[in-house]
Amino acid sequence: MWNGNAVAAGGVLLAAFSVLLAGCDIGDAPRHAATYASPQFELPNARYRIDAERGRVWLLAREGLFVYDLSRPERVLVPLPDWLTLDAPYSCPSDLALGPKGEALITSNTLPTLWRVDPESLAVTVHPLLLDADTDKDVGFSALAYSAQHGAFIAASYVHGSLWRIDPLLERAQKIALSAPVRDACGVAVRPRSSQTALSRLTDLCVHTPGGGWSVILAPDWRSAQVSAAACTEHPRASNVAWLNHLTGGN
């Protein structure tokens, strides 16, 4: 599944979703979070993720991180302490991914730092990453995804075209040696082995860019990878539309 596609690619879908958010009644929010009335999202700079298991939608915009929970219902703004993000045209937006327990991970596209939001309490913890390379550069991540097979996160830099493996404790980022940079990364998809077997394909990752995509074949130890220019074929629209229709009661 794609991770956090930019809303510009599906403006009609998320415009409808913004109407949904604006029309909801606001319930009580945790003490560290804040309810937010009638948000006006900057759609071209927004990302979203759908947690179907918990009936929840996460939306990351320039204004911050918003959570819509069907079970309450409520719309909550979760403050991200010291979060920095660089607007287009200098980079793709900072990204949003879901971890294995439903936690939300937010990147900065200008800093090697992750913000983790607990799925139950919505408490936020900040995780500066120790890089094993490029410490003389301003490394941020414009694409992030979780690999269940490896129990780790994969991140990409729009500016530098670099690819990184982030440990599950969110402490270290290991640079993956690439045969070619994955420049202009705006999203990354992890293909599970079962999917690869069914499709008779070897590609482990598909990195989405505004102009196309990169297919990435990882070495078994994840320390290096072969990169080739190839359009990304997986797309989340069908499943995402179905789930948003479920949330809104649409067809």
Foldseek 3Di string as FASTA:
>chain_A
DWFWFQQVVPVVVVVVVLVVQQPDDADDAFPQKAADHSDDFPRRQKTKDADLVQQKIWMQGPVAIWIAGLVVGHIIGHDDPPAAEDDPPVARTWGWEAAPVRWIWTWHLFFQKIWIADPPRRDIDIEHEDEPDPPVGRHTFQEKYADPVVQWMWTAHQDPLWIWTAHNVRHYTYTAAEPDRFHQFNIKDADDPVNCVVVVHQFGMWTDHPVAIKTWHADPVRRYIYIDTHHDDDDCVVVVSVSVCVSVVHD
